[in-house]
C-alpha cells in the first residue's frame, strides 16, 4: 500500500502549503510576545527595603543578641 500526498482543490499538496502558514503563525506569535514584553514587563523593578520587610513581619521591635549562647556540651566537651 503506497501513500500519496493529498491534492487540495486549490492546487498543490496540503503539507507543502501548510508549512509556510505555520511558520507565519509562529512568527506572529513571537512578535506579539515581544511587543507585550516591551510594553508591560521590561521596566518592572522591585524595590528591596529590609526595614520595610522587617516591619511587615513585626520584627522591628525585637532586639537581637549579638553574643551566641550555647546550651549543653559542644561536640562532647
Protein backbone atom coordinates (compact mmCIF):
# COMPACT_ATOMS: atom_id res chain seq x y z
CA UNK A 1 0.00 0.00 0.00
CA UNK A 2 1.59 3.28 -1.04
CA UNK A 3 0.83 6.65 0.42
CA UNK A 4 0.32 9.59 -1.87
CA UNK A 5 0.09 13.19 -0.83
CA UNK A 6 -3.41 14.58 -0.88
CA UNK A 7 -4.04 17.18 -3.50
CA UNK A 8 -6.14 20.07 -2.33
CA UNK A 9 -8.78 21.58 -4.61
CA UNK A 10 -6.81 24.84 -4.82
CA UNK A 11 -3.80 23.02 -6.20
CA UNK A 12 -0.55 21.88 -4.59
CA UNK A 13 -0.12 19.35 -1.83
CA UNK A 14 -1.62 20.04 1.57
CA UNK A 15 1.62 19.64 3.63
CA UNK A 16 3.58 21.85 1.23
CA UNK A 17 1.03 24.63 1.60
CA UNK A 18 0.70 24.18 5.36
CA UNK A 19 4.36 24.73 6.32
CA UNK A 20 4.55 28.44 5.32
CA UNK A 21 1.29 29.14 7.15
CA UNK A 22 2.58 27.50 10.33
CA UNK A 23 5.83 29.48 10.07
CA UNK A 24 3.86 32.71 9.64
CA UNK A 25 1.65 32.00 12.67
CA UNK A 26 4.69 31.18 14.83
CA UNK A 27 6.47 34.36 13.70
CA UNK A 28 3.39 36.45 14.55
CA UNK A 29 3.15 34.85 17.99
CA UNK A 30 6.81 35.55 18.75
CA UNK A 31 6.38 39.14 17.57
CA UNK A 32 3.27 39.53 19.74
CA UNK A 33 5.05 38.18 22.82
CA UNK A 34 7.96 40.56 22.21
CA UNK A 35 5.58 43.53 21.98
CA UNK A 36 3.81 42.51 25.20
CA UNK A 37 7.15 42.13 26.98
CA UNK A 38 8.30 45.57 25.82
CA UNK A 39 5.05 47.20 26.93
CA UNK A 40 4.49 45.55 30.30
CA UNK A 41 7.50 43.67 31.66
CA UNK A 42 10.70 45.41 30.61
CA UNK A 43 10.69 48.29 33.11
CA UNK A 44 9.27 46.43 36.10
CA UNK A 45 11.57 46.69 39.11
CA UNK A 46 11.10 45.66 42.72
CA UNK A 47 12.48 47.94 45.42
CA UNK A 48 14.06 45.93 48.22
CA UNK A 49 13.81 47.51 51.65
CA UNK A 50 14.99 45.43 54.61
CA UNK A 51 13.44 47.72 57.23
CA UNK A 52 10.06 47.75 55.48
CA UNK A 53 10.07 43.97 55.23
CA UNK A 54 11.02 43.60 58.89
CA UNK A 55 8.20 45.92 59.95
CA UNK A 56 5.72 43.99 57.79
CA UNK A 57 6.66 40.79 59.63
CA UNK A 58 6.63 42.55 63.00
CA UNK A 59 10.35 42.12 63.61
CA UNK A 60 11.40 45.73 64.21
CA UNK A 61 10.60 45.78 67.91
CA UNK A 62 12.82 42.81 68.76
CA UNK A 63 16.40 43.19 69.88
CA UNK A 64 18.98 40.85 68.51
CA UNK A 65 21.58 39.45 70.89
CA UNK A 66 24.95 39.57 69.19
CA UNK A 67 26.59 37.06 71.52
CA UNK A 68 25.96 33.41 70.85
CA UNK A 69 24.70 31.36 73.75
CA UNK A 70 25.37 27.67 73.52
CA UNK A 71 23.49 25.20 75.60
CA UNK A 72 24.77 21.79 76.62
CA UNK A 73 28.05 20.24 75.64
CA UNK A 74 29.68 21.49 72.49
CA UNK A 75 30.92 18.49 70.49
CA UNK A 76 31.05 16.29 73.57
CA UNK A 77 33.30 18.60 75.60
